């Protein structure tokens, strides 16, 4: 028997949204997209947009900013290429500058 219960992706997404709601992550988020020739705009509380993918991306970004070795993060997240990993994480230009300053590197991420 696994130490952590196995849960399918749809159930995980329902549960993580409930956790977000209980945590009062209620900032309203606007999402716009095209449907045919029409512009559609959806406004929902932030917790409604949280998914397993959000968790994965946040984990990768937060661990990267915390200084965890990239190779370890990639092993955990399943990324195969460094190029794809760096495209995947979300860091602001300010966070990038701080990271570069700490590393002493002149190369942009």
N, C-alpha and C. Protein backbone atom coordinates (compact mmCIF):
# COMPACT_ATOMS: atom_id res chain seq x y z
N UNK A 1 0.85 -1.19 0.00
CA UNK A 1 0.00 0.00 0.00
C UNK A 1 0.89 1.25 0.00
N UNK A 2 0.60 2.22 -0.89
CA UNK A 2 1.43 3.43 -0.95
C UNK A 2 1.29 4.28 0.31
N UNK A 3 2.35 5.01 0.65
CA UNK A 3 2.32 5.88 1.82
C UNK A 3 1.36 7.06 1.61
N UNK A 4 1.27 7.50 0.37
CA UNK A 4 0.37 8.61 0.02
C UNK A 4 -0.73 8.04 -0.87
N UNK A 5 -1.99 8.36 -0.57
CA UNK A 5 -3.06 7.82 -1.41
C UNK A 5 -2.92 8.26 -2.86
N UNK A 6 -3.24 7.35 -3.77
CA UNK A 6 -3.21 7.67 -5.19
C UNK A 6 -4.54 8.33 -5.55
N UNK A 7 -4.46 9.45 -6.25
CA UNK A 7 -5.66 10.19 -6.62
C UNK A 7 -5.57 10.55 -8.10
N UNK A 8 -6.68 10.44 -8.80
CA UNK A 8 -6.65 10.77 -10.23
C UNK A 8 -6.65 12.29 -10.41
N UNK A 9 -6.26 12.73 -11.60
CA UNK A 9 -6.08 14.16 -11.87
C UNK A 9 -7.37 14.98 -11.69
N UNK A 10 -8.52 14.53 -12.21
CA UNK A 10 -9.74 15.33 -12.00
C UNK A 10 -10.10 15.52 -10.52
N UNK A 11 -9.97 14.45 -9.73
CA UNK A 11 -10.26 14.57 -8.30
C UNK A 11 -9.25 15.49 -7.60
N UNK A 12 -7.98 15.38 -7.99
CA UNK A 12 -6.95 16.25 -7.43
C UNK A 12 -7.31 17.71 -7.70
N UNK A 13 -7.73 18.00 -8.94
CA UNK A 13 -8.06 19.38 -9.31
C UNK A 13 -9.25 19.92 -8.51
N UNK A 14 -10.25 19.08 -8.26
CA UNK A 14 -11.39 19.49 -7.42
C UNK A 14 -10.90 19.78 -6.01
N UNK A 15 -10.08 18.88 -5.47
CA UNK A 15 -9.59 19.05 -4.10
C UNK A 15 -8.71 20.29 -3.95
N UNK A 16 -7.83 20.54 -4.92
CA UNK A 16 -6.92 21.69 -4.80
C UNK A 16 -7.71 23.01 -4.90
N UNK A 17 -8.80 23.01 -5.65
CA UNK A 17 -9.65 24.20 -5.70
C UNK A 17 -10.33 24.44 -4.35
N UNK A 18 -10.76 23.36 -3.69
CA UNK A 18 -11.37 23.49 -2.37
C UNK A 18 -10.36 24.02 -1.36
N UNK A 19 -9.13 23.53 -1.44
CA UNK A 19 -8.08 24.02 -0.55
C UNK A 19 -7.85 25.51 -0.79
N UNK A 20 -7.83 25.91 -2.06
CA UNK A 20 -7.67 27.33 -2.39
C UNK A 20 -8.80 28.18 -1.84
N UNK A 21 -10.02 27.65 -1.93
CA UNK A 21 -11.18 28.38 -1.40
C UNK A 21 -11.10 28.50 0.12
N UNK A 22 -10.76 27.40 0.80
CA UNK A 22 -10.63 27.42 2.26
C UNK A 22 -9.49 28.34 2.71
N UNK A 23 -8.48 28.47 1.85
CA UNK A 23 -7.33 29.33 2.16
C UNK A 23 -7.61 30.80 1.83
N UNK A 24 -8.80 31.05 1.33
CA UNK A 24 -9.25 32.40 1.00
C UNK A 24 -8.40 33.05 -0.09
N UNK A 25 -8.06 32.27 -1.11
CA UNK A 25 -7.35 32.80 -2.28
C UNK A 25 -8.45 33.30 -3.23
N UNK A 26 -8.96 34.49 -2.94
CA UNK A 26 -10.18 34.95 -3.59
C UNK A 26 -10.00 36.12 -4.56
N UNK A 27 -8.76 36.54 -4.79
CA UNK A 27 -8.53 37.63 -5.74
C UNK A 27 -9.22 37.27 -7.06
N UNK A 28 -9.91 38.24 -7.64
CA UNK A 28 -10.61 37.99 -8.90
C UNK A 28 -9.62 38.04 -10.06
N UNK A 29 -9.67 37.01 -10.91
CA UNK A 29 -8.76 36.88 -12.05
C UNK A 29 -9.59 36.91 -13.34
N UNK A 30 -9.12 37.70 -14.29
CA UNK A 30 -9.79 37.85 -15.58
C UNK A 30 -9.04 37.01 -16.62
N UNK A 31 -9.77 36.22 -17.37
CA UNK A 31 -9.20 35.39 -18.43
C UNK A 31 -9.96 35.68 -19.71
N UNK A 32 -9.25 36.04 -20.76
CA UNK A 32 -9.88 36.36 -22.04
C UNK A 32 -9.41 35.38 -23.11
N UNK A 33 -10.33 35.02 -24.00
CA UNK A 33 -9.98 34.13 -25.11
C UNK A 33 -10.96 34.36 -26.25
N UNK A 34 -10.61 33.82 -27.40
CA UNK A 34 -11.46 33.92 -28.60
C UNK A 34 -12.28 32.64 -28.73
N UNK A 35 -13.55 32.79 -29.06
CA UNK A 35 -14.40 31.65 -29.39
C UNK A 35 -15.06 32.00 -30.71
N UNK A 36 -14.50 31.43 -31.79
CA UNK A 36 -14.94 31.83 -33.12
C UNK A 36 -14.53 33.27 -33.36
N UNK A 37 -15.50 34.11 -33.72
CA UNK A 37 -15.23 35.53 -33.92
C UNK A 37 -15.50 36.37 -32.68
N UNK A 38 -15.89 35.72 -31.60
CA UNK A 38 -16.26 36.44 -30.39
C UNK A 38 -15.13 36.45 -29.37
N UNK A 39 -14.99 37.59 -28.68
CA UNK A 39 -14.09 37.68 -27.54
C UNK A 39 -14.88 37.28 -26.30
N UNK A 40 -14.33 36.33 -25.55
CA UNK A 40 -14.99 35.86 -24.34
C UNK A 40 -14.13 36.25 -23.16
N UNK A 41 -14.77 36.75 -22.11
CA UNK A 41 -14.04 37.13 -20.91
C UNK A 41 -14.68 36.42 -19.72
N UNK A 42 -13.87 35.75 -18.93
CA UNK A 42 -14.34 35.05 -17.75
C UNK A 42 -13.63 35.64 -16.54
N UNK A 43 -14.40 35.98 -15.51
CA UNK A 43 -13.82 36.50 -14.28
C UNK A 43 -14.25 35.57 -13.15
N UNK A 44 -13.25 35.00 -12.46
CA UNK A 44 -13.52 34.06 -11.37
C UNK A 44 -12.51 34.30 -10.25
N UNK A 45 -12.83 33.84 -9.03
CA UNK A 45 -11.84 33.91 -7.96
C UNK A 45 -10.61 33.06 -8.34
N UNK A 46 -9.46 33.49 -7.86
CA UNK A 46 -8.20 32.83 -8.22
C UNK A 46 -8.23 31.33 -7.92
N UNK A 47 -8.85 30.92 -6.82
CA UNK A 47 -8.86 29.50 -6.47
C UNK A 47 -9.54 28.65 -7.54
N UNK A 48 -10.44 29.22 -8.31
CA UNK A 48 -11.12 28.46 -9.37
C UNK A 48 -10.17 28.08 -10.51
N UNK A 49 -9.07 28.80 -10.65
CA UNK A 49 -8.14 28.57 -11.75
C UNK A 49 -7.00 27.62 -11.36
N UNK A 50 -6.91 27.25 -10.08
CA UNK A 50 -5.80 26.39 -9.63
C UNK A 50 -6.01 24.96 -10.11
N UNK A 51 -4.95 24.38 -10.70
CA UNK A 51 -4.98 22.99 -11.17
C UNK A 51 -3.68 22.30 -10.79
N UNK A 52 -3.60 21.02 -11.09
CA UNK A 52 -2.36 20.28 -10.84
C UNK A 52 -1.21 20.91 -11.63
N UNK A 53 -1.50 21.41 -12.81
CA UNK A 53 -0.47 22.06 -13.62
C UNK A 53 0.04 23.33 -12.94
N UNK A 54 -0.87 24.10 -12.34
CA UNK A 54 -0.48 25.29 -11.59
C UNK A 54 0.48 24.91 -10.47
N UNK A 55 0.15 23.82 -9.78
CA UNK A 55 0.99 23.35 -8.67
C UNK A 55 2.38 22.95 -9.17
N UNK A 56 2.42 22.25 -10.29
CA UNK A 56 3.70 21.80 -10.84
C UNK A 56 4.57 22.99 -11.23
N UNK A 57 3.98 23.94 -11.94
CA UNK A 57 4.74 25.12 -12.38
C UNK A 57 5.20 25.94 -11.17
N UNK A 58 4.33 26.13 -10.20
CA UNK A 58 4.70 26.89 -9.00
C UNK A 58 5.82 26.20 -8.25
N UNK A 59 5.74 24.88 -8.12
CA UNK A 59 6.80 24.12 -7.46
C UNK A 59 8.13 24.36 -8.17
N UNK A 60 8.15 24.20 -9.48
CA UNK A 60 9.40 24.36 -10.24
C UNK A 60 9.96 25.77 -10.08
N UNK A 61 9.11 26.76 -10.20
CA UNK A 61 9.56 28.16 -10.09
C UNK A 61 10.06 28.46 -8.69
N UNK A 62 9.30 28.08 -7.68
CA UNK A 62 9.69 28.38 -6.29
C UNK A 62 10.98 27.67 -5.90
N UNK A 63 11.13 26.42 -6.30
CA UNK A 63 12.36 25.70 -5.99
C UNK A 63 13.56 26.30 -6.71
N UNK A 64 13.36 26.72 -7.95
CA UNK A 64 14.43 27.37 -8.71
C UNK A 64 14.88 28.64 -8.00
N UNK A 65 13.91 29.47 -7.58
CA UNK A 65 14.23 30.72 -6.90
C UNK A 65 14.86 30.48 -5.53
N UNK A 66 14.54 29.34 -4.91
CA UNK A 66 15.11 29.01 -3.60
C UNK A 66 16.53 28.46 -3.71
N UNK A 67 16.97 28.20 -4.94
CA UNK A 67 18.34 27.72 -5.13
C UNK A 67 18.50 26.22 -5.21
N UNK A 68 17.41 25.48 -5.28
CA UNK A 68 17.49 24.03 -5.45
C UNK A 68 18.15 23.73 -6.79
N UNK A 69 19.07 22.78 -6.83
CA UNK A 69 19.73 22.46 -8.10
C UNK A 69 18.71 22.12 -9.20
N UNK A 70 18.91 22.72 -10.36
CA UNK A 70 17.98 22.55 -11.48
C UNK A 70 17.83 21.07 -11.84
N UNK A 71 18.93 20.32 -11.79
CA UNK A 71 18.87 18.90 -12.14
C UNK A 71 17.91 18.15 -11.23
N UNK A 72 17.89 18.50 -9.94
CA UNK A 72 16.99 17.85 -8.99
C UNK A 72 15.54 18.23 -9.28
N UNK A 73 15.29 19.51 -9.53
CA UNK A 73 13.92 19.95 -9.85
C UNK A 73 13.42 19.23 -11.09
N UNK A 74 14.28 19.14 -12.11
CA UNK A 74 13.89 18.47 -13.36
C UNK A 74 13.60 17.00 -13.13
N UNK A 75 14.36 16.37 -12.26
CA UNK A 75 14.13 14.95 -11.97
C UNK A 75 12.76 14.76 -11.31
N UNK A 76 12.42 15.66 -10.40
CA UNK A 76 11.13 15.57 -9.70
C UNK A 76 9.98 15.90 -10.65
N UNK A 77 10.16 16.94 -11.47
CA UNK A 77 9.06 17.42 -12.33
C UNK A 77 8.93 16.63 -13.63
N UNK A 78 9.97 15.87 -13.98
CA UNK A 78 9.91 15.07 -15.20
C UNK A 78 10.37 15.79 -16.45
N UNK A 79 10.96 16.98 -16.30
CA UNK A 79 11.48 17.69 -17.47
C UNK A 79 12.73 16.97 -17.98
N UNK A 80 12.81 16.82 -19.29
CA UNK A 80 13.94 16.11 -19.90
C UNK A 80 15.02 17.07 -20.40
N UNK A 81 14.62 18.27 -20.83
CA UNK A 81 15.63 19.18 -21.38
C UNK A 81 15.68 20.47 -20.57
N UNK A 82 16.88 20.97 -20.41
CA UNK A 82 17.11 22.22 -19.69
C UNK A 82 16.39 23.37 -20.38
N UNK A 83 16.42 23.37 -21.69
CA UNK A 83 15.76 24.42 -22.47
C UNK A 83 14.26 24.46 -22.17
N UNK A 84 13.62 23.30 -22.16
CA UNK A 84 12.18 23.25 -21.86
C UNK A 84 11.90 23.68 -20.42
N UNK A 85 12.77 23.28 -19.50
CA UNK A 85 12.59 23.66 -18.10
C UNK A 85 12.61 25.18 -17.95
N UNK A 86 13.59 25.84 -18.55
CA UNK A 86 13.70 27.30 -18.41
C UNK A 86 12.54 28.01 -19.10
N UNK A 87 11.97 27.44 -20.14
CA UNK A 87 10.79 28.02 -20.77
C UNK A 87 9.56 27.83 -19.88
N UNK A 88 9.57 26.78 -19.08
CA UNK A 88 8.42 26.39 -18.27
C UNK A 88 8.25 27.25 -17.02
N UNK A 89 9.37 27.53 -16.34
CA UNK A 89 9.26 28.27 -15.09
C UNK A 89 8.84 29.71 -15.37
N UNK A 90 8.20 30.32 -14.39
CA UNK A 90 7.73 31.69 -14.53
C UNK A 90 8.46 32.56 -13.52
N UNK A 91 9.41 33.36 -14.01
CA UNK A 91 10.07 34.30 -13.12
C UNK A 91 10.01 35.69 -13.74
N UNK A 92 9.87 36.68 -12.87
CA UNK A 92 9.80 38.06 -13.34
C UNK A 92 11.21 38.54 -13.70
N UNK A 93 11.31 39.61 -14.47
CA UNK A 93 12.64 40.16 -14.76
C UNK A 93 13.41 40.52 -13.48
N UNK A 94 12.69 41.00 -12.46
CA UNK A 94 13.34 41.34 -11.19
C UNK A 94 13.91 40.09 -10.52
N UNK A 95 13.13 39.00 -10.51
CA UNK A 95 13.61 37.74 -9.91
C UNK A 95 14.80 37.21 -10.69
N UNK A 96 14.75 37.36 -12.01
CA UNK A 96 15.85 36.91 -12.85
C UNK A 96 17.12 37.70 -12.52
N UNK A 97 16.99 39.00 -12.34
CA UNK A 97 18.15 39.84 -12.03
C UNK A 97 18.76 39.45 -10.68
N UNK A 98 17.91 39.20 -9.69
CA UNK A 98 18.41 38.79 -8.37
C UNK A 98 19.13 37.46 -8.47
N UNK A 99 18.55 36.52 -9.21
CA UNK A 99 19.15 35.20 -9.38
C UNK A 99 20.51 35.31 -10.08
N UNK A 100 20.59 36.13 -11.11
CA UNK A 100 21.84 36.32 -11.84
C UNK A 100 22.89 36.98 -10.96
N UNK A 101 22.47 37.96 -10.17
CA UNK A 101 23.41 38.65 -9.28
C UNK A 101 24.00 37.67 -8.26
N UNK A 102 23.14 36.82 -7.68
CA UNK A 102 23.60 35.83 -6.70
C UNK A 102 24.57 34.84 -7.31
N UNK A 103 24.32 34.46 -8.57
CA UNK A 103 25.15 33.44 -9.20
C UNK A 103 26.45 34.02 -9.76
N UNK A 104 26.47 35.33 -9.97
CA UNK A 104 27.65 35.95 -10.56
C UNK A 104 27.74 35.74 -12.06
N UNK A 105 26.70 35.17 -12.66
CA UNK A 105 26.70 34.88 -14.09
C UNK A 105 26.31 36.11 -14.89
N UNK A 106 26.84 36.19 -16.09
CA UNK A 106 26.49 37.28 -17.00
C UNK A 106 25.44 36.81 -18.02
N UNK A 107 25.14 35.51 -18.02
CA UNK A 107 24.23 34.92 -19.00
C UNK A 107 22.79 35.05 -18.52
N UNK A 108 21.90 35.45 -19.42
CA UNK A 108 20.48 35.55 -19.09
C UNK A 108 19.85 34.16 -19.09
N UNK A 109 18.89 33.99 -18.22
CA UNK A 109 18.18 32.71 -18.11
C UNK A 109 17.10 32.66 -19.15
